[in-house]
Amino acid sequence: MRIGLFAVGRLKAGPEKDLAARYLDRFAKAGPAVGLELARVVEINESRAANAETRKRDEATQLDKALADGSLLLLLDERGKALDSESFATLLGTFRDGGKRDLMIAIGGADGLDPALHARADAVLCLGKMTWPHQLVRILIAEQLYRAVTILAGHPYHRA
């Protein structure tokens, strides 16, 4: 299964971008052995619309353009379901084994994600109850993707 990341906001050169790239590279190298591959990272600029609802709608339109036909959609949202790393790995394995070819993981902007995306999402997860800046979310999800691959492969990286 090909996994893509969609992010509202661009990472500038610096330690955050380097760390996210390091974990995505690890994921890209280890993932094919368990049937997961890094498809692409799509970054868009935050909408400049006058109000939050319009900004979220504009950003959702950009996400729709980036989604492959029939793609699964996983949203990262502070009101989503919290999973431990093993459950996240199990979810990815279930998606992979369900016959879908593509999964897009979406990181919203400062205003969050459009309600229409929530309505059609296959899963909505949170990375804890706190609100995180998108730069850190990118690092966290990149690391969790790598960790999920190691869990699925039985590699000792994850020590529960």
N, C-alpha and C. Protein backbone atom coordinates (compact mmCIF):
# COMPACT_ATOMS: atom_id res chain seq x y z
N MET A 1 0.85 -1.17 0.00
CA MET A 1 0.00 0.00 0.00
C MET A 1 0.89 1.23 0.00
N ARG A 2 0.53 2.17 -0.81
CA ARG A 2 1.26 3.44 -0.88
C ARG A 2 0.66 4.40 0.13
N ILE A 3 1.52 5.01 0.93
CA ILE A 3 1.08 5.96 1.95
C ILE A 3 1.64 7.33 1.62
N GLY A 4 0.74 8.32 1.57
CA GLY A 4 1.14 9.69 1.32
C GLY A 4 0.83 10.55 2.53
N LEU A 5 1.57 11.63 2.65
CA LEU A 5 1.31 12.63 3.69
C LEU A 5 0.87 13.90 3.00
N PHE A 6 -0.21 14.47 3.50
CA PHE A 6 -0.71 15.75 3.01
C PHE A 6 -0.62 16.72 4.17
N ALA A 7 0.03 17.85 3.98
CA ALA A 7 0.21 18.80 5.07
C ALA A 7 -0.12 20.21 4.63
N VAL A 8 -0.93 20.87 5.44
CA VAL A 8 -1.18 22.30 5.26
C VAL A 8 -0.04 23.01 5.98
N GLY A 9 0.75 23.73 5.24
CA GLY A 9 1.93 24.39 5.78
C GLY A 9 3.18 23.68 5.28
N ARG A 10 4.20 24.46 5.03
CA ARG A 10 5.45 23.91 4.49
C ARG A 10 6.53 23.93 5.56
N LEU A 11 7.33 22.87 5.57
CA LEU A 11 8.46 22.85 6.48
C LEU A 11 9.61 23.62 5.86
N LYS A 12 10.14 24.55 6.61
CA LYS A 12 11.32 25.31 6.16
C LYS A 12 12.56 24.51 6.51
N ALA A 13 13.65 24.81 5.83
CA ALA A 13 14.92 24.14 6.13
C ALA A 13 15.24 24.32 7.60
N GLY A 14 15.70 23.27 8.23
CA GLY A 14 16.05 23.33 9.63
C GLY A 14 15.91 21.98 10.28
N PRO A 15 16.07 21.92 11.60
CA PRO A 15 16.07 20.63 12.29
C PRO A 15 14.75 19.87 12.19
N GLU A 16 13.61 20.56 12.15
CA GLU A 16 12.33 19.86 12.03
C GLU A 16 12.24 19.14 10.69
N LYS A 17 12.61 19.83 9.63
CA LYS A 17 12.57 19.22 8.30
C LYS A 17 13.54 18.05 8.21
N ASP A 18 14.72 18.22 8.79
CA ASP A 18 15.73 17.16 8.76
C ASP A 18 15.25 15.92 9.51
N LEU A 19 14.66 16.11 10.68
CA LEU A 19 14.20 14.98 11.48
C LEU A 19 13.03 14.26 10.80
N ALA A 20 12.08 15.02 10.28
CA ALA A 20 10.96 14.40 9.55
C ALA A 20 11.50 13.60 8.36
N ALA A 21 12.44 14.18 7.63
CA ALA A 21 13.01 13.50 6.46
C ALA A 21 13.74 12.22 6.89
N ARG A 22 14.42 12.24 8.03
CA ARG A 22 15.14 11.06 8.51
C ARG A 22 14.18 9.90 8.75
N TYR A 23 13.05 10.18 9.44
CA TYR A 23 12.09 9.11 9.71
C TYR A 23 11.35 8.67 8.46
N LEU A 24 11.04 9.60 7.57
CA LEU A 24 10.39 9.20 6.32
C LEU A 24 11.34 8.34 5.47
N ASP A 25 12.62 8.65 5.49
CA ASP A 25 13.60 7.85 4.77
C ASP A 25 13.68 6.45 5.36
N ARG A 26 13.69 6.35 6.68
CA ARG A 26 13.69 5.03 7.33
C ARG A 26 12.44 4.24 6.95
N PHE A 27 11.29 4.93 6.97
CA PHE A 27 10.03 4.29 6.59
C PHE A 27 10.09 3.81 5.14
N ALA A 28 10.60 4.67 4.25
CA ALA A 28 10.67 4.33 2.83
C ALA A 28 11.56 3.11 2.59
N LYS A 29 12.62 2.98 3.37
CA LYS A 29 13.54 1.85 3.19
C LYS A 29 13.00 0.57 3.81
N ALA A 30 12.34 0.66 4.96
CA ALA A 30 11.89 -0.53 5.67
C ALA A 30 10.48 -0.97 5.27
N GLY A 31 9.67 -0.05 4.80
CA GLY A 31 8.27 -0.34 4.52
C GLY A 31 7.97 -1.38 3.48
N PRO A 32 8.67 -1.40 2.34
CA PRO A 32 8.33 -2.39 1.31
C PRO A 32 8.37 -3.83 1.78
N ALA A 33 9.20 -4.14 2.75
CA ALA A 33 9.28 -5.52 3.26
C ALA A 33 7.97 -5.98 3.89
N VAL A 34 7.15 -5.03 4.36
CA VAL A 34 5.85 -5.38 4.95
C VAL A 34 4.69 -4.85 4.12
N GLY A 35 4.97 -4.49 2.87
CA GLY A 35 3.90 -4.07 1.96
C GLY A 35 3.46 -2.63 2.10
N LEU A 36 4.31 -1.78 2.67
CA LEU A 36 3.99 -0.35 2.80
C LEU A 36 5.09 0.47 2.14
N GLU A 37 4.69 1.47 1.40
CA GLU A 37 5.70 2.33 0.77
C GLU A 37 5.30 3.79 0.88
N LEU A 38 6.30 4.64 0.91
CA LEU A 38 6.05 6.08 0.94
C LEU A 38 5.77 6.53 -0.48
N ALA A 39 4.56 7.04 -0.70
CA ALA A 39 4.17 7.48 -2.04
C ALA A 39 4.68 8.89 -2.31
N ARG A 40 4.34 9.81 -1.41
CA ARG A 40 4.73 11.21 -1.62
C ARG A 40 4.33 12.04 -0.42
N VAL A 41 4.92 13.21 -0.36
CA VAL A 41 4.55 14.20 0.64
C VAL A 41 4.05 15.41 -0.14
N VAL A 42 2.82 15.81 0.16
CA VAL A 42 2.21 16.97 -0.50
C VAL A 42 2.10 18.08 0.53
N GLU A 43 2.74 19.20 0.24
CA GLU A 43 2.64 20.38 1.11
C GLU A 43 1.90 21.47 0.35
N ILE A 44 0.97 22.12 1.04
CA ILE A 44 0.30 23.26 0.44
C ILE A 44 0.43 24.45 1.38
N ASN A 45 0.33 25.63 0.82
CA ASN A 45 0.32 26.83 1.65
C ASN A 45 -1.04 26.95 2.33
N GLU A 46 -1.04 27.55 3.51
CA GLU A 46 -2.29 27.81 4.19
C GLU A 46 -3.13 28.76 3.35
N SER A 47 -4.43 28.55 3.36
CA SER A 47 -5.34 29.42 2.64
C SER A 47 -5.28 30.82 3.23
N ARG A 48 -5.46 31.81 2.39
CA ARG A 48 -5.48 33.21 2.82
C ARG A 48 -6.90 33.78 2.91
N ALA A 49 -7.90 32.89 2.89
CA ALA A 49 -9.30 33.33 2.95
C ALA A 49 -9.56 34.10 4.25
N ALA A 50 -10.61 34.89 4.23
CA ALA A 50 -10.90 35.81 5.34
C ALA A 50 -11.40 35.13 6.61
N ASN A 51 -12.02 33.94 6.48
CA ASN A 51 -12.54 33.29 7.70
C ASN A 51 -12.14 31.82 7.73
N ALA A 52 -12.23 31.25 8.91
CA ALA A 52 -11.74 29.89 9.14
C ALA A 52 -12.48 28.85 8.29
N GLU A 53 -13.79 28.97 8.20
CA GLU A 53 -14.55 27.97 7.44
C GLU A 53 -14.15 27.96 5.97
N THR A 54 -13.95 29.13 5.40
CA THR A 54 -13.53 29.20 4.00
C THR A 54 -12.11 28.68 3.84
N ARG A 55 -11.23 28.99 4.79
CA ARG A 55 -9.87 28.47 4.73
C ARG A 55 -9.88 26.94 4.75
N LYS A 56 -10.65 26.36 5.67
CA LYS A 56 -10.71 24.91 5.76
C LYS A 56 -11.27 24.30 4.47
N ARG A 57 -12.27 24.95 3.89
CA ARG A 57 -12.86 24.46 2.64
C ARG A 57 -11.84 24.54 1.50
N ASP A 58 -11.10 25.65 1.43
CA ASP A 58 -10.07 25.80 0.39
C ASP A 58 -9.00 24.72 0.53
N GLU A 59 -8.57 24.46 1.76
CA GLU A 59 -7.54 23.46 2.01
C GLU A 59 -8.06 22.05 1.70
N ALA A 60 -9.33 21.80 1.99
CA ALA A 60 -9.94 20.51 1.67
C ALA A 60 -9.98 20.29 0.16
N THR A 61 -10.22 21.34 -0.60
CA THR A 61 -10.22 21.24 -2.06
C THR A 61 -8.85 20.81 -2.56
N GLN A 62 -7.80 21.36 -1.96
CA GLN A 62 -6.44 20.98 -2.34
C GLN A 62 -6.16 19.51 -1.99
N LEU A 63 -6.68 19.07 -0.84
CA LEU A 63 -6.51 17.67 -0.45
C LEU A 63 -7.23 16.76 -1.44
N ASP A 64 -8.44 17.13 -1.83
CA ASP A 64 -9.19 16.33 -2.80
C ASP A 64 -8.40 16.15 -4.09
N LYS A 65 -7.71 17.20 -4.53
CA LYS A 65 -6.91 17.13 -5.76
C LYS A 65 -5.73 16.17 -5.59
N ALA A 66 -5.22 16.05 -4.37
CA ALA A 66 -4.05 15.21 -4.11
C ALA A 66 -4.41 13.74 -3.89
N LEU A 67 -5.68 13.45 -3.62
CA LEU A 67 -6.10 12.08 -3.34
C LEU A 67 -6.21 11.25 -4.61
N ALA A 68 -5.64 10.07 -4.56
CA ALA A 68 -5.83 9.13 -5.66
C ALA A 68 -7.26 8.58 -5.60
N ASP A 69 -7.79 8.17 -6.74
CA ASP A 69 -9.12 7.58 -6.77
C ASP A 69 -9.17 6.36 -5.86
N GLY A 70 -10.20 6.28 -5.02
CA GLY A 70 -10.38 5.15 -4.13
C GLY A 70 -9.45 5.13 -2.93
N SER A 71 -8.73 6.21 -2.73
CA SER A 71 -7.77 6.27 -1.63
C SER A 71 -8.45 6.30 -0.27
N LEU A 72 -7.85 5.63 0.70
CA LEU A 72 -8.27 5.75 2.08
C LEU A 72 -7.79 7.09 2.61
N LEU A 73 -8.53 7.64 3.56
CA LEU A 73 -8.17 8.93 4.13
C LEU A 73 -8.12 8.83 5.65
N LEU A 74 -6.97 9.18 6.20
CA LEU A 74 -6.77 9.20 7.64
C LEU A 74 -6.45 10.63 8.03
N LEU A 75 -7.29 11.20 8.90
CA LEU A 75 -7.08 12.57 9.35
C LEU A 75 -6.41 12.58 10.71
N LEU A 76 -5.52 13.53 10.90
CA LEU A 76 -4.94 13.78 12.22
C LEU A 76 -5.63 15.01 12.77
N ASP A 77 -6.33 14.82 13.89
CA ASP A 77 -7.13 15.89 14.48
C ASP A 77 -7.13 15.71 15.99
N GLU A 78 -7.05 16.79 16.72
CA GLU A 78 -6.99 16.70 18.19
C GLU A 78 -8.23 16.06 18.81
N ARG A 79 -9.32 16.02 18.05
CA ARG A 79 -10.54 15.38 18.56
C ARG A 79 -10.69 13.94 18.07
N GLY A 80 -9.65 13.43 17.42
CA GLY A 80 -9.69 12.05 16.92
C GLY A 80 -9.42 11.04 18.02
N LYS A 81 -9.37 9.80 17.61
CA LYS A 81 -9.15 8.69 18.54
C LYS A 81 -7.65 8.53 18.80
N ALA A 82 -7.29 8.37 20.05
CA ALA A 82 -5.90 8.14 20.43
C ALA A 82 -5.60 6.65 20.36
N LEU A 83 -4.53 6.30 19.69
CA LEU A 83 -4.08 4.91 19.61
C LEU A 83 -2.66 4.80 20.14
N ASP A 84 -2.34 3.64 20.70
CA ASP A 84 -0.93 3.41 21.00
C ASP A 84 -0.25 2.96 19.71
N SER A 85 1.06 2.85 19.75
CA SER A 85 1.83 2.55 18.54
C SER A 85 1.47 1.19 17.95
N GLU A 86 1.25 0.20 18.81
CA GLU A 86 0.90 -1.13 18.29
C GLU A 86 -0.46 -1.12 17.60
N SER A 87 -1.41 -0.38 18.15
CA SER A 87 -2.73 -0.29 17.53
C SER A 87 -2.66 0.47 16.21
N PHE A 88 -1.80 1.48 16.14
CA PHE A 88 -1.61 2.21 14.88
C PHE A 88 -1.02 1.26 13.83
N ALA A 89 -0.04 0.46 14.22
CA ALA A 89 0.54 -0.50 13.29
C ALA A 89 -0.52 -1.50 12.82
N THR A 90 -1.35 -1.95 13.74
CA THR A 90 -2.43 -2.88 13.38
C THR A 90 -3.40 -2.22 12.40
N LEU A 91 -3.74 -0.96 12.63
CA LEU A 91 -4.63 -0.24 11.72
C LEU A 91 -4.03 -0.16 10.32
N LEU A 92 -2.75 0.19 10.23
CA LEU A 92 -2.10 0.25 8.92
C LEU A 92 -2.10 -1.13 8.26
N GLY A 93 -1.83 -2.17 9.04
CA GLY A 93 -1.86 -3.52 8.49
C GLY A 93 -3.24 -3.91 7.99
N THR A 94 -4.26 -3.52 8.74
CA THR A 94 -5.64 -3.79 8.32
C THR A 94 -5.98 -3.05 7.03
N PHE A 95 -5.60 -1.78 6.95
CA PHE A 95 -5.81 -1.02 5.71
C PHE A 95 -5.09 -1.70 4.55
N ARG A 96 -3.84 -2.07 4.77
CA ARG A 96 -3.03 -2.71 3.72
C ARG A 96 -3.69 -4.00 3.25
N ASP A 97 -4.17 -4.79 4.20
CA ASP A 97 -4.74 -6.09 3.86
C ASP A 97 -6.17 -6.00 3.31
N GLY A 98 -6.76 -4.81 3.39
CA GLY A 98 -8.13 -4.62 2.92
C GLY A 98 -8.25 -4.40 1.42
N GLY A 99 -7.14 -4.40 0.71
CA GLY A 99 -7.19 -4.32 -0.74
C GLY A 99 -7.11 -2.93 -1.33
N LYS A 100 -7.05 -1.90 -0.51
CA LYS A 100 -6.91 -0.54 -1.05
C LYS A 100 -5.44 -0.29 -1.38
N ARG A 101 -5.21 0.42 -2.43
CA ARG A 101 -3.84 0.66 -2.89
C ARG A 101 -3.20 1.89 -2.26
N ASP A 102 -4.02 2.89 -1.88
CA ASP A 102 -3.48 4.16 -1.41
C ASP A 102 -4.11 4.60 -0.10
N LEU A 103 -3.30 5.22 0.73
CA LEU A 103 -3.74 5.85 1.97
C LEU A 103 -3.10 7.22 2.04
N MET A 104 -3.91 8.22 2.31
CA MET A 104 -3.40 9.58 2.52
C MET A 104 -3.63 9.95 3.97
N ILE A 105 -2.57 10.40 4.64
CA ILE A 105 -2.65 10.89 6.00
C ILE A 105 -2.59 12.41 5.92
N ALA A 106 -3.61 13.07 6.47
CA ALA A 106 -3.73 14.53 6.33
C ALA A 106 -3.48 15.24 7.64
N ILE A 107 -2.63 16.25 7.57
CA ILE A 107 -2.33 17.15 8.68
C ILE A 107 -2.94 18.50 8.31
N GLY A 108 -3.90 18.95 9.09
CA GLY A 108 -4.59 20.19 8.79
C GLY A 108 -3.78 21.43 9.16
N GLY A 109 -4.35 22.56 8.83
CA GLY A 109 -3.73 23.83 9.16
C GLY A 109 -4.15 24.31 10.54
N ALA A 110 -3.88 25.56 10.82
CA ALA A 110 -4.16 26.14 12.14
C ALA A 110 -5.64 26.09 12.50
N ASP A 111 -6.51 26.09 11.50
CA ASP A 111 -7.96 26.08 11.76
C ASP A 111 -8.53 24.67 11.84
N GLY A 112 -7.70 23.67 11.57
CA GLY A 112 -8.20 22.30 11.56
C GLY A 112 -8.59 21.86 10.17
N LEU A 113 -9.40 20.82 10.11
CA LEU A 113 -9.81 20.22 8.84
C LEU A 113 -11.31 20.42 8.62
N ASP A 114 -11.68 20.54 7.38
CA ASP A 114 -13.06 20.77 6.98
C ASP A 114 -13.97 19.63 7.45
N PRO A 115 -15.18 19.94 7.95
CA PRO A 115 -16.11 18.88 8.38
C PRO A 115 -16.44 17.87 7.29
N ALA A 116 -16.43 18.29 6.04
CA ALA A 116 -16.69 17.35 4.95
C ALA A 116 -15.62 16.26 4.88
N LEU A 117 -14.38 16.60 5.23
CA LEU A 117 -13.32 15.61 5.26
C LEU A 117 -13.55 14.61 6.40
N HIS A 118 -13.99 15.13 7.54
CA HIS A 118 -14.29 14.25 8.67
C HIS A 118 -15.38 13.25 8.30
N ALA A 119 -16.37 13.72 7.54
CA ALA A 119 -17.49 12.86 7.18
C ALA A 119 -17.06 11.70 6.27
N ARG A 120 -16.05 11.91 5.46
CA ARG A 120 -15.64 10.86 4.53
C ARG A 120 -14.37 10.13 4.93
N ALA A 121 -13.76 10.52 6.04
CA ALA A 121 -12.51 9.90 6.48
C ALA A 121 -12.72 8.46 6.91
N ASP A 122 -11.74 7.64 6.64
CA ASP A 122 -11.77 6.24 7.06
C ASP A 122 -11.32 6.10 8.51
N ALA A 123 -10.56 7.08 9.00
CA ALA A 123 -10.14 7.11 10.40
C ALA A 123 -9.75 8.54 10.75
N VAL A 124 -10.01 8.92 11.99
CA VAL A 124 -9.59 10.21 12.52
C VAL A 124 -8.85 9.92 13.82
N LEU A 125 -7.58 10.24 13.82
CA LEU A 125 -6.72 9.95 14.96
C LEU A 125 -6.15 11.23 15.55
N CYS A 126 -5.78 11.16 16.81
CA CYS A 126 -5.07 12.27 17.44
C CYS A 126 -3.73 11.75 17.96
N LEU A 127 -2.83 12.67 18.13
CA LEU A 127 -1.52 12.35 18.69
C LEU A 127 -1.46 12.83 20.13
N GLY A 128 -2.57 12.72 20.82
CA GLY A 128 -2.67 13.17 22.21
C GLY A 128 -3.67 14.31 22.31
N LYS A 129 -3.98 14.68 23.52
CA LYS A 129 -4.99 15.72 23.76
C LYS A 129 -4.47 17.13 23.51
N MET A 130 -3.15 17.28 23.49
CA MET A 130 -2.58 18.61 23.27
C MET A 130 -2.62 18.98 21.80
N THR A 131 -2.60 20.27 21.53
CA THR A 131 -2.50 20.76 20.17
C THR A 131 -1.02 20.90 19.82
N TRP A 132 -0.64 20.39 18.66
CA TRP A 132 0.75 20.42 18.23
C TRP A 132 0.90 21.27 16.97
N PRO A 133 2.00 21.99 16.84
CA PRO A 133 2.26 22.70 15.58
C PRO A 133 2.51 21.68 14.46
N HIS A 134 2.14 22.05 13.25
CA HIS A 134 2.22 21.08 12.15
C HIS A 134 3.64 20.58 11.94
N GLN A 135 4.66 21.38 12.26
CA GLN A 135 6.04 20.94 12.09
C GLN A 135 6.32 19.72 12.97
N LEU A 136 5.85 19.76 14.21
CA LEU A 136 6.07 18.64 15.12
C LEU A 136 5.18 17.45 14.76
N VAL A 137 3.98 17.71 14.31
CA VAL A 137 3.09 16.62 13.89
C VAL A 137 3.74 15.84 12.75
N ARG A 138 4.37 16.56 11.85
CA ARG A 138 5.03 15.89 10.71
C ARG A 138 6.11 14.93 11.23
N ILE A 139 6.89 15.38 12.21
CA ILE A 139 7.92 14.52 12.79
C ILE A 139 7.29 13.33 13.51
N LEU A 140 6.27 13.61 14.32
CA LEU A 140 5.63 12.55 15.10
C LEU A 140 5.02 11.47 14.20
N ILE A 141 4.31 11.87 13.15
CA ILE A 141 3.67 10.86 12.30
C ILE A 141 4.71 10.12 11.47
N ALA A 142 5.77 10.82 11.07
CA ALA A 142 6.85 10.15 10.32
C ALA A 142 7.49 9.07 11.19
N GLU A 143 7.75 9.40 12.45
CA GLU A 143 8.35 8.41 13.36
C GLU A 143 7.39 7.26 13.59
N GLN A 144 6.10 7.55 13.76
CA GLN A 144 5.12 6.48 14.00
C GLN A 144 4.95 5.59 12.77
N LEU A 145 5.08 6.14 11.59
CA LEU A 145 5.05 5.30 10.39
C LEU A 145 6.23 4.33 10.39
N TYR A 146 7.41 4.83 10.69
CA TYR A 146 8.58 3.96 10.78
C TYR A 146 8.39 2.92 11.88
N ARG A 147 7.93 3.36 13.05
CA ARG A 147 7.71 2.46 14.17
C ARG A 147 6.69 1.37 13.78
N ALA A 148 5.62 1.75 13.08
CA ALA A 148 4.61 0.78 12.66
C ALA A 148 5.22 -0.30 11.77
N VAL A 149 6.09 0.10 10.86
CA VAL A 149 6.76 -0.87 9.99
C VAL A 149 7.60 -1.83 10.81
N THR A 150 8.31 -1.30 11.79
CA THR A 150 9.15 -2.18 12.61
C THR A 150 8.29 -3.13 13.44
N ILE A 151 7.15 -2.67 13.91
CA ILE A 151 6.24 -3.54 14.67
C ILE A 151 5.71 -4.64 13.76
N LEU A 152 5.26 -4.28 12.57
CA LEU A 152 4.72 -5.26 11.63
C LEU A 152 5.79 -6.28 11.20
N ALA A 153 7.04 -5.83 11.17
CA ALA A 153 8.13 -6.71 10.76
C ALA A 153 8.71 -7.52 11.91
N GLY A 154 8.29 -7.23 13.14
CA GLY A 154 8.84 -7.92 14.30
C GLY A 154 10.24 -7.45 14.66
N HIS A 155 10.61 -6.26 14.22
CA HIS A 155 11.93 -5.67 14.50
C HIS A 155 11.96 -5.13 15.93
N PRO A 156 13.07 -5.19 16.61
CA PRO A 156 13.13 -4.77 18.02
C PRO A 156 13.14 -3.25 18.28
N TYR A 157 12.99 -2.42 17.26
CA TYR A 157 12.98 -0.96 17.48
C TYR A 157 11.93 -0.57 18.52
N HIS A 158 10.75 -1.14 18.41
CA HIS A 158 9.66 -0.83 19.35
C HIS A 158 9.75 -1.77 20.55
N ARG A 159 9.89 -1.18 21.71
CA ARG A 159 9.95 -1.97 22.93
C ARG A 159 8.79 -1.55 23.80
N ALA A 160 7.72 -2.31 23.79
CA ALA A 160 6.51 -1.97 24.54
C ALA A 160 6.65 -2.26 26.00
